[in-house]
Amino acid sequence: MWNWDYAFSILPQILSALGITVSATFFGFLLALFLGLVLSVLTRLNIKAISFAVKGIVQFIRNTPLLVQLYFIFYVLPEFGVTLKPFTAGVIGLGIHYSTYLSEVFRSGIESVPAGQWEVAKALNFSQPQAWAKIILPQALPPVIPVIGNYLITMFKETPLLSAITLVEILQTAKIIGAGSFRYLEGFTIVGVIFFLLSYPSSRMVKKLEVQLGRKS
């Protein structure tokens, strides 16, 4: 049976771990954005060996479970002398996994830029970095911002997987509380409500942003 007194008594403990969940999402997403953009640019290089290798890596990561990748980073890499803290391993795992999806998002945005814009950059004697920074990316990124936002929300909802590598985020906190009291209903319900309260308004904001950008375009 649900016990309100018990639910309110454990709420502060669960909320105290919310910062870990949000921080892992934030830093993992920043890493995913950076790596995703790098991967997208590398796949467009005229050097076929690099382009082919990057595409192969992207497909491999996208087609293997995030949980397996987290286990590999946290439990297997120490055998090769690379030992990471749970938070760092979680951020790297999230960042690498979602960078492969964001690379496709960036690719679609870049391909939507008219070919004539490259000619404009060439006519202005822009170097490749200048062309990317001043002409291509400013046009490629705005249309894909809503899709990027959706991946941010998805990443946030997958942070409970980090409990598998001993990171004490909100789900792991609820598990620990439940193991000590043998009451799991209240803790897991609170975690689910927290995810809903943060994810649903965010998804509505992304949808609204998508509509606004569609009107502008």
C-alpha atoms as a PDB file:
ATOM      1  CA  MET A   1       0.000   0.000   0.000  1.00  0.00           C
ATOM      2  CA  TRP A   2       1.077   3.562  -0.732  1.00  0.00           C
ATOM      3  CA  ASN A   3       2.320   5.474   2.306  1.00  0.00           C
ATOM      4  CA  TRP A   4       2.383   9.255   1.942  1.00  0.00           C
ATOM      5  CA  ASP A   5       4.454   9.810   5.086  1.00  0.00           C
ATOM      6  CA  TYR A   6       7.123   7.429   3.842  1.00  0.00           C
ATOM      7  CA  ALA A   7       7.033   8.981   0.359  1.00  0.00           C
ATOM      8  CA  PHE A   8       7.633  12.476   1.738  1.00  0.00           C
ATOM      9  CA  SER A   9      10.374  11.198   4.028  1.00  0.00           C
ATOM     10  CA  ILE A  10      12.441   9.756   1.144  1.00  0.00           C
ATOM     11  CA  LEU A  11      11.721  12.568  -1.334  1.00  0.00           C
ATOM     12  CA  PRO A  12      14.652  14.782  -0.181  1.00  0.00           C
ATOM     13  CA  GLN A  13      17.107  11.889  -0.636  1.00  0.00           C
ATOM     14  CA  ILE A  14      15.926  11.257  -4.189  1.00  0.00           C
ATOM     15  CA  LEU A  15      15.913  14.950  -5.076  1.00  0.00           C
ATOM     16  CA  SER A  16      19.456  15.289  -3.738  1.00  0.00           C
ATOM     17  CA  ALA A  17      20.591  12.833  -6.428  1.00  0.00           C
ATOM     18  CA  LEU A  18      18.761  14.712  -9.184  1.00  0.00           C
ATOM     19  CA  GLY A  19      21.803  16.952  -9.649  1.00  0.00           C
ATOM     20  CA  ILE A  20      23.877  13.914 -10.671  1.00  0.00           C
ATOM     21  CA  THR A  21      21.273  12.926 -13.254  1.00  0.00           C
ATOM     22  CA  VAL A  22      21.036  16.425 -14.712  1.00  0.00           C
ATOM     23  CA  SER A  23      24.812  16.931 -14.688  1.00  0.00           C
ATOM     24  CA  ALA A  24      25.454  13.626 -16.455  1.00  0.00           C
ATOM     25  CA  THR A  25      22.872  14.559 -19.087  1.00  0.00           C
ATOM     26  CA  PHE A  26      24.272  18.066 -19.568  1.00  0.00           C
ATOM     27  CA  PHE A  27      27.936  17.119 -19.895  1.00  0.00           C
ATOM     28  CA  GLY A  28      27.146  14.008 -21.917  1.00  0.00           C
ATOM     29  CA  PHE A  29      25.093  16.096 -24.329  1.00  0.00           C
ATOM     30  CA  LEU A  30      27.843  18.700 -24.726  1.00  0.00           C
ATOM     31  CA  LEU A  31      30.253  15.886 -25.590  1.00  0.00           C
ATOM     32  CA  ALA A  32      27.717  14.387 -28.006  1.00  0.00           C
ATOM     33  CA  LEU A  33      27.266  17.738 -29.756  1.00  0.00           C
ATOM     34  CA  PHE A  34      30.995  18.213 -30.215  1.00  0.00           C
ATOM     35  CA  LEU A  35      31.745  14.664 -31.339  1.00  0.00           C
ATOM     36  CA  GLY A  36      28.636  14.540 -33.518  1.00  0.00           C
ATOM     37  CA  LEU A  37      29.680  17.645 -35.418  1.00  0.00           C
ATOM     38  CA  VAL A  38      33.232  16.334 -35.823  1.00  0.00           C
ATOM     39  CA  LEU A  39      31.973  12.985 -37.124  1.00  0.00           C
ATOM     40  CA  SER A  40      29.611  14.692 -39.530  1.00  0.00           C
ATOM     41  CA  VAL A  41      32.392  16.847 -40.971  1.00  0.00           C
ATOM     42  CA  LEU A  42      34.792  13.894 -41.234  1.00  0.00           C
ATOM     43  CA  THR A  43      32.294  11.864 -43.243  1.00  0.00           C
ATOM     44  CA  ARG A  44      32.231  14.663 -45.825  1.00  0.00           C
ATOM     45  CA  LEU A  45      35.986  14.676 -46.367  1.00  0.00           C
ATOM     46  CA  ASN A  46      37.282  13.809 -49.809  1.00  0.00           C
ATOM     47  CA  ILE A  47      39.673  11.334 -48.191  1.00  0.00           C
ATOM     48  CA  LYS A  48      37.775   8.086 -48.726  1.00  0.00           C
ATOM     49  CA  ALA A  49      39.715   6.093 -46.123  1.00  0.00           C
ATOM     50  CA  ILE A  50      38.799   8.502 -43.319  1.00  0.00           C
ATOM     51  CA  SER A  51      35.208   8.879 -44.485  1.00  0.00           C
ATOM     52  CA  PHE A  52      34.750   5.109 -44.757  1.00  0.00           C
ATOM     53  CA  ALA A  53      36.325   4.466 -41.339  1.00  0.00           C
ATOM     54  CA  VAL A  54      34.176   7.107 -39.629  1.00  0.00           C
ATOM     55  CA  LYS A  55      30.999   5.735 -41.194  1.00  0.00           C
ATOM     56  CA  GLY A  56      31.926   2.241 -40.011  1.00  0.00           C
ATOM     57  CA  ILE A  57      32.526   3.454 -36.447  1.00  0.00           C
ATOM     58  CA  VAL A  58      29.226   5.346 -36.438  1.00  0.00           C
ATOM     59  CA  GLN A  59      27.289   2.299 -37.623  1.00  0.00           C
ATOM     60  CA  PHE A  60      28.991   0.032 -35.085  1.00  0.00           C
ATOM     61  CA  ILE A  61      28.197   2.308 -32.139  1.00  0.00           C
ATOM     62  CA  ARG A  62      24.629   2.949 -33.272  1.00  0.00           C
ATOM     63  CA  ASN A  63      23.930  -0.760 -33.615  1.00  0.00           C
ATOM     64  CA  THR A  64      25.256  -1.830 -30.221  1.00  0.00           C
ATOM     65  CA  PRO A  65      23.370  -1.201 -26.949  1.00  0.00           C
ATOM     66  CA  LEU A  66      24.313   1.769 -24.804  1.00  0.00           C
ATOM     67  CA  LEU A  67      24.402  -0.502 -21.758  1.00  0.00           C
ATOM     68  CA  VAL A  68      27.065  -2.719 -23.335  1.00  0.00           C
ATOM     69  CA  GLN A  69      29.140   0.348 -24.183  1.00  0.00           C
ATOM     70  CA  LEU A  70      28.871   1.609 -20.603  1.00  0.00           C
ATOM     71  CA  TYR A  71      29.998  -1.775 -19.271  1.00  0.00           C
ATOM     72  CA  PHE A  72      32.943  -1.766 -21.669  1.00  0.00           C
ATOM     73  CA  ILE A  73      34.069   1.730 -20.666  1.00  0.00           C
ATOM     74  CA  PHE A  74      33.711   1.145 -16.929  1.00  0.00           C
ATOM     75  CA  TYR A  75      34.653  -2.520 -16.492  1.00  0.00           C
ATOM     76  CA  VAL A  76      36.821  -3.453 -19.487  1.00  0.00           C
ATOM     77  CA  LEU A  77      38.998  -0.359 -19.998  1.00  0.00           C
ATOM     78  CA  PRO A  78      40.619  -0.766 -16.538  1.00  0.00           C
ATOM     79  CA  GLU A  79      42.164  -3.992 -17.855  1.00  0.00           C
ATOM     80  CA  PHE A  80      44.048  -1.798 -20.334  1.00  0.00           C
ATOM     81  CA  GLY A  81      45.117   0.702 -17.680  1.00  0.00           C
ATOM     82  CA  VAL A  82      42.260   3.198 -18.143  1.00  0.00           C
ATOM     83  CA  THR A  83      40.234   3.515 -14.947  1.00  0.00           C
ATOM     84  CA  LEU A  84      37.404   6.042 -14.856  1.00  0.00           C
ATOM     85  CA  LYS A  85      35.083   7.212 -12.127  1.00  0.00           C
ATOM     86  CA  PRO A  86      31.409   6.243 -12.607  1.00  0.00           C
ATOM     87  CA  PHE A  87      30.354   9.804 -13.452  1.00  0.00           C
ATOM     88  CA  THR A  88      33.138  10.278 -16.004  1.00  0.00           C
ATOM     89  CA  ALA A  89      32.478   6.873 -17.576  1.00  0.00           C
ATOM     90  CA  GLY A  90      28.771   7.665 -17.768  1.00  0.00           C
ATOM     91  CA  VAL A  91      29.328  11.030 -19.428  1.00  0.00           C
ATOM     92  CA  ILE A  92      31.737   9.520 -21.965  1.00  0.00           C
ATOM     93  CA  GLY A  93      29.385   6.630 -22.682  1.00  0.00           C
ATOM     94  CA  LEU A  94      26.390   8.887 -23.225  1.00  0.00           C
ATOM     95  CA  GLY A  95      28.414  11.352 -25.264  1.00  0.00           C
ATOM     96  CA  ILE A  96      29.929   8.793 -27.612  1.00  0.00           C
ATOM     97  CA  HIS A  97      26.675   6.878 -28.099  1.00  0.00           C
ATOM     98  CA  TYR A  98      24.522   9.893 -28.887  1.00  0.00           C
ATOM     99  CA  SER A  99      27.203  11.611 -30.972  1.00  0.00           C
ATOM    100  CA  THR A 100      26.580   8.981 -33.655  1.00  0.00           C
ATOM    101  CA  TYR A 101      22.909   9.962 -33.819  1.00  0.00           C
ATOM    102  CA  LEU A 102      23.627  13.679 -33.741  1.00  0.00           C
ATOM    103  CA  SER A 103      26.170  13.256 -36.536  1.00  0.00           C
ATOM    104  CA  GLU A 104      23.295  12.163 -38.778  1.00  0.00           C
ATOM    105  CA  VAL A 105      21.243  15.127 -37.621  1.00  0.00           C
ATOM    106  CA  PHE A 106      24.080  17.502 -38.452  1.00  0.00           C
ATOM    107  CA  ARG A 107      24.578  15.758 -41.779  1.00  0.00           C
ATOM    108  CA  SER A 108      20.971  16.354 -42.775  1.00  0.00           C
ATOM    109  CA  GLY A 109      21.267  20.001 -41.792  1.00  0.00           C
ATOM    110  CA  ILE A 110      24.492  20.448 -43.751  1.00  0.00           C
ATOM    111  CA  GLU A 111      23.046  18.768 -46.827  1.00  0.00           C
ATOM    112  CA  SER A 112      20.060  21.120 -46.695  1.00  0.00           C
ATOM    113  CA  VAL A 113      22.358  24.098 -47.317  1.00  0.00           C
ATOM    114  CA  PRO A 114      22.188  25.014 -51.037  1.00  0.00           C
ATOM    115  CA  ALA A 115      25.270  24.048 -53.016  1.00  0.00           C
ATOM    116  CA  GLY A 116      25.599  27.649 -54.138  1.00  0.00           C
ATOM    117  CA  GLN A 117      26.619  28.660 -50.625  1.00  0.00           C
ATOM    118  CA  TRP A 118      29.868  26.728 -51.053  1.00  0.00           C
ATOM    119  CA  GLU A 119      30.488  28.715 -54.215  1.00  0.00           C
ATOM    120  CA  VAL A 120      29.880  31.912 -52.281  1.00  0.00           C
ATOM    121  CA  ALA A 121      32.499  30.896 -49.723  1.00  0.00           C
ATOM    122  CA  LYS A 122      34.934  30.119 -52.526  1.00  0.00           C
ATOM    123  CA  ALA A 123      34.252  33.472 -54.217  1.00  0.00           C
ATOM    124  CA  LEU A 124      34.960  35.254 -50.923  1.00  0.00           C
ATOM    125  CA  ASN A 125      38.281  33.399 -50.642  1.00  0.00           C
ATOM    126  CA  PHE A 126      37.222  31.798 -47.374  1.00  0.00           C
ATOM    127  CA  SER A 127      39.288  28.949 -46.036  1.00  0.00           C
ATOM    128  CA  GLN A 128      37.504  25.698 -45.208  1.00  0.00           C
ATOM    129  CA  PRO A 129      37.201  26.550 -41.478  1.00  0.00           C
ATOM    130  CA  GLN A 130      35.905  30.031 -42.333  1.00  0.00           C
ATOM    131  CA  ALA A 131      33.371  28.618 -44.781  1.00  0.00           C
ATOM    132  CA  TRP A 132      32.082  26.186 -42.173  1.00  0.00           C
ATOM    133  CA  ALA A 133      31.966  28.735 -39.357  1.00  0.00           C
ATOM    134  CA  LYS A 134      30.589  31.766 -41.219  1.00  0.00           C
ATOM    135  CA  ILE A 135      28.394  30.359 -43.980  1.00  0.00           C
ATOM    136  CA  ILE A 136      27.540  26.653 -43.736  1.00  0.00           C
ATOM    137  CA  LEU A 137      26.906  25.980 -40.030  1.00  0.00           C
ATOM    138  CA  PRO A 138      24.851  29.159 -39.371  1.00  0.00           C
ATOM    139  CA  GLN A 139      22.437  27.912 -42.037  1.00  0.00           C
ATOM    140  CA  ALA A 140      22.631  24.203 -41.246  1.00  0.00           C
ATOM    141  CA  LEU A 141      22.047  24.257 -37.493  1.00  0.00           C
ATOM    142  CA  PRO A 142      18.779  26.208 -36.930  1.00  0.00           C
ATOM    143  CA  PRO A 143      16.533  23.763 -38.854  1.00  0.00           C
ATOM    144  CA  VAL A 144      17.778  20.775 -36.843  1.00  0.00           C
ATOM    145  CA  ILE A 145      17.579  22.360 -33.371  1.00  0.00           C
ATOM    146  CA  PRO A 146      14.219  20.687 -32.556  1.00  0.00           C
ATOM    147  CA  VAL A 147      15.633  17.253 -33.431  1.00  0.00           C
ATOM    148  CA  ILE A 148      18.671  17.972 -31.271  1.00  0.00           C
ATOM    149  CA  GLY A 149      16.327  18.925 -28.439  1.00  0.00           C
ATOM    150  CA  ASN A 150      14.485  15.627 -28.760  1.00  0.00           C
ATOM    151  CA  TYR A 151      17.757  13.721 -28.422  1.00  0.00           C
ATOM    152  CA  LEU A 152      18.559  15.721 -25.286  1.00  0.00           C
ATOM    153  CA  ILE A 153      15.268  14.594 -23.741  1.00  0.00           C
ATOM    154  CA  THR A 154      15.912  10.999 -24.807  1.00  0.00           C
ATOM    155  CA  MET A 155      19.373  11.082 -23.253  1.00  0.00           C
ATOM    156  CA  PHE A 156      17.931  12.409 -20.003  1.00  0.00           C
ATOM    157  CA  LYS A 157      15.449   9.526 -19.861  1.00  0.00           C
ATOM    158  CA  GLU A 158      18.241   6.993 -20.407  1.00  0.00           C
ATOM    159  CA  THR A 159      20.406   8.183 -17.518  1.00  0.00           C
ATOM    160  CA  PRO A 160      18.986   5.405 -15.256  1.00  0.00           C
ATOM    161  CA  LEU A 161      21.227   3.047 -17.231  1.00  0.00           C
ATOM    162  CA  LEU A 162      24.157   4.699 -15.465  1.00  0.00           C
ATOM    163  CA  SER A 163      23.122   2.937 -12.284  1.00  0.00           C
ATOM    164  CA  ALA A 164      24.536  -0.213 -13.925  1.00  0.00           C
ATOM    165  CA  ILE A 165      28.027   1.253 -13.512  1.00  0.00           C
ATOM    166  CA  THR A 166      27.389   2.208  -9.864  1.00  0.00           C
ATOM    167  CA  LEU A 167      26.600   5.874 -10.491  1.00  0.00           C
ATOM    168  CA  VAL A 168      24.222   6.944  -7.732  1.00  0.00           C
ATOM    169  CA  GLU A 169      21.646   8.963  -9.678  1.00  0.00           C
ATOM    170  CA  ILE A 170      17.949   9.144  -8.791  1.00  0.00           C
ATOM    171  CA  LEU A 171      17.062   5.584  -9.824  1.00  0.00           C
ATOM    172  CA  GLN A 172      20.020   4.078  -7.996  1.00  0.00           C
ATOM    173  CA  THR A 173      19.096   6.174  -4.949  1.00  0.00           C
ATOM    174  CA  ALA A 174      15.571   4.762  -5.041  1.00  0.00           C
ATOM    175  CA  LYS A 175      17.013   1.240  -5.311  1.00  0.00           C
ATOM    176  CA  ILE A 176      19.252   1.805  -2.281  1.00  0.00           C
ATOM    177  CA  ILE A 177      16.358   3.211  -0.249  1.00  0.00           C
ATOM    178  CA  GLY A 178      14.156   0.295  -1.270  1.00  0.00           C
ATOM    179  CA  ALA A 179      16.822  -2.255  -0.364  1.00  0.00           C
ATOM    180  CA  GLY A 180      17.046  -0.782   3.118  1.00  0.00           C
ATOM    181  CA  SER A 181      13.321  -0.563   3.801  1.00  0.00           C
ATOM    182  CA  PHE A 182      11.932  -3.247   1.478  1.00  0.00           C
ATOM    183  CA  ARG A 183       9.558  -0.597   0.119  1.00  0.00           C
ATOM    184  CA  TYR A 184      10.016   0.079  -3.588  1.00  0.00           C
ATOM    185  CA  LEU A 185       6.618   1.445  -4.638  1.00  0.00           C
ATOM    186  CA  GLU A 186       7.072   4.969  -3.348  1.00  0.00           C
ATOM    187  CA  GLY A 187      10.690   5.377  -4.464  1.00  0.00           C
ATOM    188  CA  PHE A 188      10.249   4.129  -8.021  1.00  0.00           C
ATOM    189  CA  THR A 189       6.994   6.065  -8.398  1.00  0.00           C
ATOM    190  CA  ILE A 190       8.689   9.284  -7.316  1.00  0.00           C
ATOM    191  CA  VAL A 191      11.496   8.689  -9.823  1.00  0.00           C
ATOM    192  CA  GLY A 192       8.971   8.130 -12.608  1.00  0.00           C
ATOM    193  CA  VAL A 193       7.078  11.307 -11.686  1.00  0.00           C
ATOM    194  CA  ILE A 194      10.306  13.332 -11.648  1.00  0.00           C
ATOM    195  CA  PHE A 195      11.235  12.120 -15.121  1.00  0.00           C
ATOM    196  CA  PHE A 196       7.741  12.954 -16.378  1.00  0.00           C
ATOM    197  CA  LEU A 197       7.697  16.427 -14.815  1.00  0.00           C
ATOM    198  CA  LEU A 198      11.020  17.286 -16.442  1.00  0.00           C
ATOM    199  CA  SER A 199      10.621  15.500 -19.774  1.00  0.00           C
ATOM    200  CA  TYR A 200       7.054  16.395 -20.743  1.00  0.00           C
ATOM    201  CA  PRO A 201       7.365  20.215 -20.462  1.00  0.00           C
ATOM    202  CA  SER A 202      10.694  19.982 -22.289  1.00  0.00           C
ATOM    203  CA  SER A 203       9.121  18.018 -25.136  1.00  0.00           C
ATOM    204  CA  ARG A 204       6.340  20.604 -25.402  1.00  0.00           C
ATOM    205  CA  MET A 205       8.930  23.390 -25.592  1.00  0.00           C
ATOM    206  CA  VAL A 206      10.803  21.544 -28.343  1.00  0.00           C
ATOM    207  CA  LYS A 207       7.544  21.078 -30.256  1.00  0.00           C
ATOM    208  CA  LYS A 208       6.759  24.773 -29.927  1.00  0.00           C
ATOM    209  CA  LEU A 209      10.257  25.668 -31.100  1.00  0.00           C
ATOM    210  CA  GLU A 210       9.835  23.363 -34.093  1.00  0.00           C
ATOM    211  CA  VAL A 211       6.612  25.162 -35.067  1.00  0.00           C
ATOM    212  CA  GLN A 212       8.239  28.577 -34.710  1.00  0.00           C
ATOM    213  CA  LEU A 213      11.250  27.608 -36.799  1.00  0.00           C
ATOM    214  CA  GLY A 214       8.922  26.123 -39.415  1.00  0.00           C
ATOM    215  CA  ARG A 215       7.047  29.400 -39.677  1.00  0.00           C
ATOM    216  CA  LYS A 216      10.256  31.375 -40.029  1.00  0.00           C
ATOM    217  CA  SER A 217      11.537  29.095 -42.757  1.00  0.00           C
END
